[in-house]
Amino acid sequence: MIKRVIKSAINGTINGNNIKQSILDILSKSEKPLSTQEIAYQLNKSWHTIIRYCLDLQTEDKIFKFSLGRISAWQVKNG
């Protein structure tokens, strides 16, 4: 049981890093800011998952957010 919990925690971290990198890749290739929903659609992930990782990336000062009414749009920070 404990091994299964530890394995899940490790896989979650690896998966989380992959999702963050995928978000950065998508935003880097985009010519315009992308909404959370657009990113979620491209990665085939839920909106909730993507907003969580986008907020993490924002806290890490790698991306920034535009608010367009109730929609959040994201863009990679340059430099």
PDB file of N, CA and C in Angstrom:
ATOM      1  N   MET A   1       0.822  -1.198   0.000  1.00  0.00           N
ATOM      2  CA  MET A   1       0.000   0.000   0.000  1.00  0.00           C
ATOM      3  C   MET A   1       0.868   1.264   0.000  1.00  0.00           C
ATOM      4  N   ILE A   2       1.867   1.316   0.872  1.00  0.00           N
ATOM      5  CA  ILE A   2       2.729   2.495   0.950  1.00  0.00           C
ATOM      6  C   ILE A   2       3.509   2.675  -0.342  1.00  0.00           C
ATOM      7  N   LYS A   3       3.997   1.569  -0.923  1.00  0.00           N
ATOM      8  CA  LYS A   3       4.731   1.663  -2.181  1.00  0.00           C
ATOM      9  C   LYS A   3       3.859   2.256  -3.273  1.00  0.00           C
ATOM     10  N   ARG A   4       2.588   1.892  -3.290  1.00  0.00           N
ATOM     11  CA  ARG A   4       1.669   2.405  -4.304  1.00  0.00           C
ATOM     12  C   ARG A   4       1.464   3.909  -4.142  1.00  0.00           C
ATOM     13  N   VAL A   5       1.359   4.389  -2.897  1.00  0.00           N
ATOM     14  CA  VAL A   5       1.182   5.819  -2.630  1.00  0.00           C
ATOM     15  C   VAL A   5       2.426   6.593  -3.049  1.00  0.00           C
ATOM     16  N   ILE A   6       3.600   6.066  -2.714  1.00  0.00           N
ATOM     17  CA  ILE A   6       4.852   6.724  -3.100  1.00  0.00           C
ATOM     18  C   ILE A   6       4.995   6.761  -4.616  1.00  0.00           C
ATOM     19  N   LYS A   7       4.693   5.643  -5.272  1.00  0.00           N
ATOM     20  CA  LYS A   7       4.777   5.592  -6.735  1.00  0.00           C
ATOM     21  C   LYS A   7       3.831   6.608  -7.367  1.00  0.00           C
ATOM     22  N   SER A   8       2.613   6.739  -6.831  1.00  0.00           N
ATOM     23  CA  SER A   8       1.655   7.715  -7.361  1.00  0.00           C
ATOM     24  C   SER A   8       2.170   9.132  -7.187  1.00  0.00           C
ATOM     25  N   ALA A   9       2.766   9.410  -6.045  1.00  0.00           N
ATOM     26  CA  ALA A   9       3.300  10.757  -5.797  1.00  0.00           C
ATOM     27  C   ALA A   9       4.425  11.072  -6.767  1.00  0.00           C
ATOM     28  N   ILE A  10       5.309  10.116  -6.999  1.00  0.00           N
ATOM     29  CA  ILE A  10       6.421  10.323  -7.939  1.00  0.00           C
ATOM     30  C   ILE A  10       5.889  10.520  -9.348  1.00  0.00           C
ATOM     31  N   ASN A  11       4.959   9.692  -9.778  1.00  0.00           N
ATOM     32  CA  ASN A  11       4.387   9.814 -11.120  1.00  0.00           C
ATOM     33  C   ASN A  11       3.645  11.130 -11.281  1.00  0.00           C
ATOM     34  N   GLY A  12       2.982  11.590 -10.233  1.00  0.00           N
ATOM     35  CA  GLY A  12       2.277  12.868 -10.299  1.00  0.00           C
ATOM     36  C   GLY A  12       3.231  14.011 -10.532  1.00  0.00           C
ATOM     37  N   THR A  13       4.380  13.991  -9.892  1.00  0.00           N
ATOM     38  CA  THR A  13       5.378  15.040 -10.067  1.00  0.00           C
ATOM     39  C   THR A  13       5.933  15.013 -11.480  1.00  0.00           C
ATOM     40  N   ILE A  14       6.274  13.836 -11.960  1.00  0.00           N
ATOM     41  CA  ILE A  14       6.806  13.715 -13.323  1.00  0.00           C
ATOM     42  C   ILE A  14       5.759  14.179 -14.324  1.00  0.00           C
ATOM     43  N   ASN A  15       4.522  13.725 -14.159  1.00  0.00           N
ATOM     44  CA  ASN A  15       3.450  14.121 -15.057  1.00  0.00           C
ATOM     45  C   ASN A  15       3.231  15.634 -14.992  1.00  0.00           C
ATOM     46  N   GLY A  16       3.282  16.192 -13.779  1.00  0.00           N
ATOM     47  CA  GLY A  16       3.105  17.637 -13.625  1.00  0.00           C
ATOM     48  C   GLY A  16       4.172  18.419 -14.353  1.00  0.00           C
ATOM     49  N   ASN A  17       5.414  17.962 -14.275  1.00  0.00           N
ATOM     50  CA  ASN A  17       6.496  18.638 -14.991  1.00  0.00           C
ATOM     51  C   ASN A  17       6.294  18.532 -16.490  1.00  0.00           C
ATOM     52  N   ASN A  18       5.809  17.389 -16.956  1.00  0.00           N
ATOM     53  CA  ASN A  18       5.536  17.223 -18.387  1.00  0.00           C
ATOM     54  C   ASN A  18       4.423  18.151 -18.845  1.00  0.00           C
ATOM     55  N   ILE A  19       3.395  18.293 -18.022  1.00  0.00           N
ATOM     56  CA  ILE A  19       2.297  19.187 -18.379  1.00  0.00           C
ATOM     57  C   ILE A  19       2.795  20.629 -18.432  1.00  0.00           C
ATOM     58  N   LYS A  20       3.571  21.030 -17.449  1.00  0.00           N
ATOM     59  CA  LYS A  20       4.109  22.393 -17.450  1.00  0.00           C
ATOM     60  C   LYS A  20       4.945  22.643 -18.697  1.00  0.00           C
ATOM     61  N   GLN A  21       5.802  21.702 -19.046  1.00  0.00           N
ATOM     62  CA  GLN A  21       6.643  21.870 -20.238  1.00  0.00           C
ATOM     63  C   GLN A  21       5.790  21.923 -21.495  1.00  0.00           C
ATOM     64  N   SER A  22       4.749  21.105 -21.549  1.00  0.00           N
ATOM     65  CA  SER A  22       3.852  21.112 -22.707  1.00  0.00           C
ATOM     66  C   SER A  22       3.140  22.452 -22.835  1.00  0.00           C
ATOM     67  N   ILE A  23       2.721  23.015 -21.713  1.00  0.00           N
ATOM     68  CA  ILE A  23       2.076  24.336 -21.732  1.00  0.00           C
ATOM     69  C   ILE A  23       3.055  25.380 -22.246  1.00  0.00           C
ATOM     70  N   LEU A  24       4.279  25.356 -21.731  1.00  0.00           N
ATOM     71  CA  LEU A  24       5.293  26.314 -22.188  1.00  0.00           C
ATOM     72  C   LEU A  24       5.571  26.154 -23.683  1.00  0.00           C
ATOM     73  N   ASP A  25       5.638  24.919 -24.167  1.00  0.00           N
ATOM     74  CA  ASP A  25       5.875  24.668 -25.596  1.00  0.00           C
ATOM     75  C   ASP A  25       4.752  25.232 -26.446  1.00  0.00           C
ATOM     76  N   ILE A  26       3.520  24.976 -26.046  1.00  0.00           N
ATOM     77  CA  ILE A  26       2.356  25.467 -26.807  1.00  0.00           C
ATOM     78  C   ILE A  26       2.335  26.991 -26.836  1.00  0.00           C
ATOM     79  N   LEU A  27       2.553  27.607 -25.669  1.00  0.00           N
ATOM     80  CA  LEU A  27       2.522  29.067 -25.614  1.00  0.00           C
ATOM     81  C   LEU A  27       3.688  29.693 -26.378  1.00  0.00           C
ATOM     82  N   SER A  28       4.843  29.050 -26.362  1.00  0.00           N
ATOM     83  CA  SER A  28       6.010  29.570 -27.087  1.00  0.00           C
ATOM     84  C   SER A  28       5.784  29.573 -28.591  1.00  0.00           C
ATOM     85  N   LYS A  29       5.066  28.584 -29.081  1.00  0.00           N
ATOM     86  CA  LYS A  29       4.816  28.457 -30.524  1.00  0.00           C
ATOM     87  C   LYS A  29       3.648  29.313 -31.003  1.00  0.00           C
ATOM     88  N   SER A  30       2.843  29.794 -30.070  1.00  0.00           N
ATOM     89  CA  SER A  30       1.657  30.560 -30.443  1.00  0.00           C
ATOM     90  C   SER A  30       2.023  32.024 -30.710  1.00  0.00           C
ATOM     91  N   GLU A  31       1.403  32.593 -31.719  1.00  0.00           N
ATOM     92  CA  GLU A  31       1.634  34.001 -32.049  1.00  0.00           C
ATOM     93  C   GLU A  31       0.771  34.933 -31.199  1.00  0.00           C
ATOM     94  N   LYS A  32      -0.179  34.357 -30.467  1.00  0.00           N
ATOM     95  CA  LYS A  32      -1.087  35.160 -29.644  1.00  0.00           C
ATOM     96  C   LYS A  32      -1.287  34.457 -28.301  1.00  0.00           C
ATOM     97  N   PRO A  33      -1.749  35.198 -27.297  1.00  0.00           N
ATOM     98  CA  PRO A  33      -2.074  34.547 -26.024  1.00  0.00           C
ATOM     99  C   PRO A  33      -3.161  33.491 -26.242  1.00  0.00           C
ATOM    100  N   LEU A  34      -3.114  32.421 -25.465  1.00  0.00           N
ATOM    101  CA  LEU A  34      -4.107  31.352 -25.572  1.00  0.00           C
ATOM    102  C   LEU A  34      -4.910  31.263 -24.287  1.00  0.00           C
ATOM    103  N   SER A  35      -6.190  30.976 -24.428  1.00  0.00           N
ATOM    104  CA  SER A  35      -7.035  30.818 -23.252  1.00  0.00           C
ATOM    105  C   SER A  35      -6.735  29.475 -22.582  1.00  0.00           C
ATOM    106  N   THR A  36      -7.147  29.375 -21.353  1.00  0.00           N
ATOM    107  CA  THR A  36      -6.986  28.129 -20.617  1.00  0.00           C
ATOM    108  C   THR A  36      -7.677  26.997 -21.376  1.00  0.00           C
ATOM    109  N   GLN A  37      -8.850  27.273 -21.899  1.00  0.00           N
ATOM    110  CA  GLN A  37      -9.614  26.248 -22.626  1.00  0.00           C
ATOM    111  C   GLN A  37      -8.893  25.807 -23.901  1.00  0.00           C
ATOM    112  N   GLU A  38      -8.285  26.743 -24.613  1.00  0.00           N
ATOM    113  CA  GLU A  38      -7.534  26.386 -25.827  1.00  0.00           C
ATOM    114  C   GLU A  38      -6.343  25.484 -25.492  1.00  0.00           C
ATOM    115  N   ILE A  39      -5.653  25.790 -24.413  1.00  0.00           N
ATOM    116  CA  ILE A  39      -4.520  24.960 -23.998  1.00  0.00           C
ATOM    117  C   ILE A  39      -5.016  23.579 -23.593  1.00  0.00           C
ATOM    118  N   ALA A  40      -6.100  23.544 -22.824  1.00  0.00           N
ATOM    119  CA  ALA A  40      -6.678  22.268 -22.372  1.00  0.00           C
ATOM    120  C   ALA A  40      -7.071  21.408 -23.568  1.00  0.00           C
ATOM    121  N   TYR A  41      -7.663  22.016 -24.574  1.00  0.00           N
ATOM    122  CA  TYR A  41      -8.073  21.279 -25.773  1.00  0.00           C
ATOM    123  C   TYR A  41      -6.857  20.691 -26.491  1.00  0.00           C
ATOM    124  N   GLN A  42      -5.802  21.476 -26.649  1.00  0.00           N
ATOM    125  CA  GLN A  42      -4.610  20.996 -27.349  1.00  0.00           C
ATOM    126  C   GLN A  42      -3.906  19.868 -26.603  1.00  0.00           C
ATOM    127  N   LEU A  43      -3.965  19.894 -25.279  1.00  0.00           N
ATOM    128  CA  LEU A  43      -3.293  18.863 -24.479  1.00  0.00           C
ATOM    129  C   LEU A  43      -4.223  17.722 -24.082  1.00  0.00           C
ATOM    130  N   ASN A  44      -5.488  17.844 -24.450  1.00  0.00           N
ATOM    131  CA  ASN A  44      -6.486  16.824 -24.103  1.00  0.00           C
ATOM    132  C   ASN A  44      -6.543  16.617 -22.587  1.00  0.00           C
ATOM    133  N   LYS A  45      -6.547  17.728 -21.859  1.00  0.00           N
ATOM    134  CA  LYS A  45      -6.631  17.730 -20.395  1.00  0.00           C
ATOM    135  C   LYS A  45      -7.823  18.589 -19.990  1.00  0.00           C
ATOM    136  N   SER A  46      -8.232  18.468 -18.744  1.00  0.00           N
ATOM    137  CA  SER A  46      -9.353  19.265 -18.261  1.00  0.00           C
ATOM    138  C   SER A  46      -8.930  20.722 -18.050  1.00  0.00           C
ATOM    139  N   TRP A  47      -9.909  21.608 -18.093  1.00  0.00           N
ATOM    140  CA  TRP A  47      -9.668  23.021 -17.846  1.00  0.00           C
ATOM    141  C   TRP A  47      -9.054  23.199 -16.468  1.00  0.00           C
ATOM    142  N   HIS A  48      -9.599  22.484 -15.491  1.00  0.00           N
ATOM    143  CA  HIS A  48      -9.133  22.607 -14.109  1.00  0.00           C
ATOM    144  C   HIS A  48      -7.655  22.230 -13.981  1.00  0.00           C
ATOM    145  N   THR A  49      -7.235  21.179 -14.641  1.00  0.00           N
ATOM    146  CA  THR A  49      -5.826  20.764 -14.613  1.00  0.00           C
ATOM    147  C   THR A  49      -4.938  21.850 -15.201  1.00  0.00           C
ATOM    148  N   ILE A  50      -5.342  22.389 -16.327  1.00  0.00           N
ATOM    149  CA  ILE A  50      -4.519  23.393 -17.014  1.00  0.00           C
ATOM    150  C   ILE A  50      -4.443  24.691 -16.220  1.00  0.00           C
ATOM    151  N   ILE A  51      -5.543  25.137 -15.636  1.00  0.00           N
ATOM    152  CA  ILE A  51      -5.488  26.381 -14.869  1.00  0.00           C
ATOM    153  C   ILE A  51      -4.554  26.217 -13.673  1.00  0.00           C
ATOM    154  N   ARG A  52      -4.569  25.047 -13.068  1.00  0.00           N
ATOM    155  CA  ARG A  52      -3.686  24.786 -11.920  1.00  0.00           C
ATOM    156  C   ARG A  52      -2.219  24.920 -12.316  1.00  0.00           C
ATOM    157  N   TYR A  53      -1.850  24.312 -13.452  1.00  0.00           N
ATOM    158  CA  TYR A  53      -0.454  24.371 -13.878  1.00  0.00           C
ATOM    159  C   TYR A  53      -0.089  25.744 -14.433  1.00  0.00           C
ATOM    160  N   CYS A  54      -1.029  26.427 -15.066  1.00  0.00           N
ATOM    161  CA  CYS A  54      -0.753  27.800 -15.530  1.00  0.00           C
ATOM    162  C   CYS A  54      -0.503  28.727 -14.345  1.00  0.00           C
ATOM    163  N   LEU A  55      -1.283  28.563 -13.284  1.00  0.00           N
ATOM    164  CA  LEU A  55      -1.058  29.387 -12.097  1.00  0.00           C
ATOM    165  C   LEU A  55       0.300  29.078 -11.467  1.00  0.00           C
ATOM    166  N   ASP A  56       0.698  27.803 -11.471  1.00  0.00           N
ATOM    167  CA  ASP A  56       2.042  27.441 -11.000  1.00  0.00           C
ATOM    168  C   ASP A  56       3.112  28.126 -11.833  1.00  0.00           C
ATOM    169  N   LEU A  57       2.956  28.077 -13.160  1.00  0.00           N
ATOM    170  CA  LEU A  57       3.934  28.706 -14.058  1.00  0.00           C
ATOM    171  C   LEU A  57       3.959  30.225 -13.877  1.00  0.00           C
ATOM    172  N   GLN A  58       2.803  30.806 -13.598  1.00  0.00           N
ATOM    173  CA  GLN A  58       2.749  32.244 -13.336  1.00  0.00           C
ATOM    174  C   GLN A  58       3.508  32.562 -12.053  1.00  0.00           C
ATOM    175  N   THR A  59       3.330  31.759 -11.033  1.00  0.00           N
ATOM    176  CA  THR A  59       4.045  31.949  -9.766  1.00  0.00           C
ATOM    177  C   THR A  59       5.549  31.808  -9.965  1.00  0.00           C
ATOM    178  N   GLU A  60       5.950  30.919 -10.877  1.00  0.00           N
ATOM    179  CA  GLU A  60       7.371  30.729 -11.195  1.00  0.00           C
ATOM    180  C   GLU A  60       7.899  31.812 -12.130  1.00  0.00           C
ATOM    181  N   ASP A  61       7.046  32.768 -12.497  1.00  0.00           N
ATOM    182  CA  ASP A  61       7.400  33.910 -13.345  1.00  0.00           C
ATOM    183  C   ASP A  61       7.812  33.484 -14.760  1.00  0.00           C
ATOM    184  N   LYS A  62       7.165  32.424 -15.277  1.00  0.00           N
ATOM    185  CA  LYS A  62       7.464  31.951 -16.630  1.00  0.00           C
ATOM    186  C   LYS A  62       6.400  32.379 -17.643  1.00  0.00           C
ATOM    187  N   ILE A  63       5.180  32.597 -17.179  1.00  0.00           N
ATOM    188  CA  ILE A  63       4.099  33.056 -18.054  1.00  0.00           C
ATOM    189  C   ILE A  63       3.322  34.153 -17.327  1.00  0.00           C
ATOM    190  N   PHE A  64       2.541  34.907 -18.100  1.00  0.00           N
ATOM    191  CA  PHE A  64       1.670  35.869 -17.460  1.00  0.00           C
ATOM    192  C   PHE A  64       0.274  35.754 -18.031  1.00  0.00           C
ATOM    193  N   LYS A  65      -0.686  36.299 -17.275  1.00  0.00           N
ATOM    194  CA  LYS A  65      -2.098  36.131 -17.574  1.00  0.00           C
ATOM    195  C   LYS A  65      -2.731  37.442 -17.985  1.00  0.00           C
ATOM    196  N   PHE A  66      -3.586  37.348 -19.005  1.00  0.00           N
ATOM    197  CA  PHE A  66      -4.470  38.443 -19.391  1.00  0.00           C
ATOM    198  C   PHE A  66      -5.867  38.037 -18.964  1.00  0.00           C
ATOM    199  N   SER A  67      -6.618  38.963 -18.430  1.00  0.00           N
ATOM    200  CA  SER A  67      -8.018  38.689 -18.136  1.00  0.00           C
ATOM    201  C   SER A  67      -8.865  39.382 -19.187  1.00  0.00           C
ATOM    202  N   LEU A  68      -9.632  38.589 -19.887  1.00  0.00           N
ATOM    203  CA  LEU A  68     -10.539  39.105 -20.912  1.00  0.00           C
ATOM    204  C   LEU A  68     -11.959  38.794 -20.441  1.00  0.00           C
ATOM    205  N   GLY A  69     -12.501  39.669 -19.611  1.00  0.00           N
ATOM    206  CA  GLY A  69     -13.783  39.362 -18.990  1.00  0.00           C
ATOM    207  C   GLY A  69     -13.587  38.202 -18.030  1.00  0.00           C
ATOM    208  N   ARG A  70     -14.312  37.115 -18.265  1.00  0.00           N
ATOM    209  CA  ARG A  70     -14.195  35.935 -17.412  1.00  0.00           C
ATOM    210  C   ARG A  70     -13.201  34.912 -17.961  1.00  0.00           C
ATOM    211  N   ILE A  71     -12.546  35.236 -19.052  1.00  0.00           N
ATOM    212  CA  ILE A  71     -11.613  34.306 -19.695  1.00  0.00           C
ATOM    213  C   ILE A  71     -10.184  34.696 -19.342  1.00  0.00           C
ATOM    214  N   SER A  72      -9.385  33.687 -18.996  1.00  0.00           N
ATOM    215  CA  SER A  72      -7.956  33.901 -18.754  1.00  0.00           C
ATOM    216  C   SER A  72      -7.192  33.494 -19.997  1.00  0.00           C
ATOM    217  N   ALA A  73      -6.314  34.362 -20.450  1.00  0.00           N
ATOM    218  CA  ALA A  73      -5.437  34.057 -21.584  1.00  0.00           C
ATOM    219  C   ALA A  73      -3.995  34.135 -21.078  1.00  0.00           C
ATOM    220  N   TRP A  74      -3.153  33.281 -21.622  1.00  0.00           N
ATOM    221  CA  TRP A  74      -1.785  33.129 -21.123  1.00  0.00           C
ATOM    222  C   TRP A  74      -0.773  33.370 -22.225  1.00  0.00           C
ATOM    223  N   GLN A  75       0.389  33.906 -21.822  1.00  0.00           N
ATOM    224  CA  GLN A  75       1.473  34.133 -22.760  1.00  0.00           C
ATOM    225  C   GLN A  75       2.793  33.932 -22.045  1.00  0.00           C
ATOM    226  N   VAL A  76       3.785  33.416 -22.769  1.00  0.00           N
ATOM    227  CA  VAL A  76       5.111  33.198 -22.207  1.00  0.00           C
ATOM    228  C   VAL A  76       5.789  34.539 -22.015  1.00  0.00           C
ATOM    229  N   LYS A  77       6.503  34.673 -20.895  1.00  0.00           N
ATOM    230  CA  LYS A  77       7.307  35.875 -20.669  1.00  0.00           C
ATOM    231  C   LYS A  77       8.580  35.785 -21.486  1.00  0.00           C
ATOM    232  N   ASN A  78       8.948  36.879 -22.100  1.00  0.00           N
ATOM    233  CA  ASN A  78      10.205  36.923 -22.876  1.00  0.00           C
ATOM    234  C   ASN A  78      11.347  37.337 -21.968  1.00  0.00           C
ATOM    235  N   GLY A  79      12.470  36.627 -22.125  1.00  0.00           N
ATOM    236  CA  GLY A  79      13.668  36.999 -21.389  1.00  0.00           C
ATOM    237  C   GLY A  79      13.730  36.463 -20.055  1.00  0.00           C
TER     238      GLY A  79
END
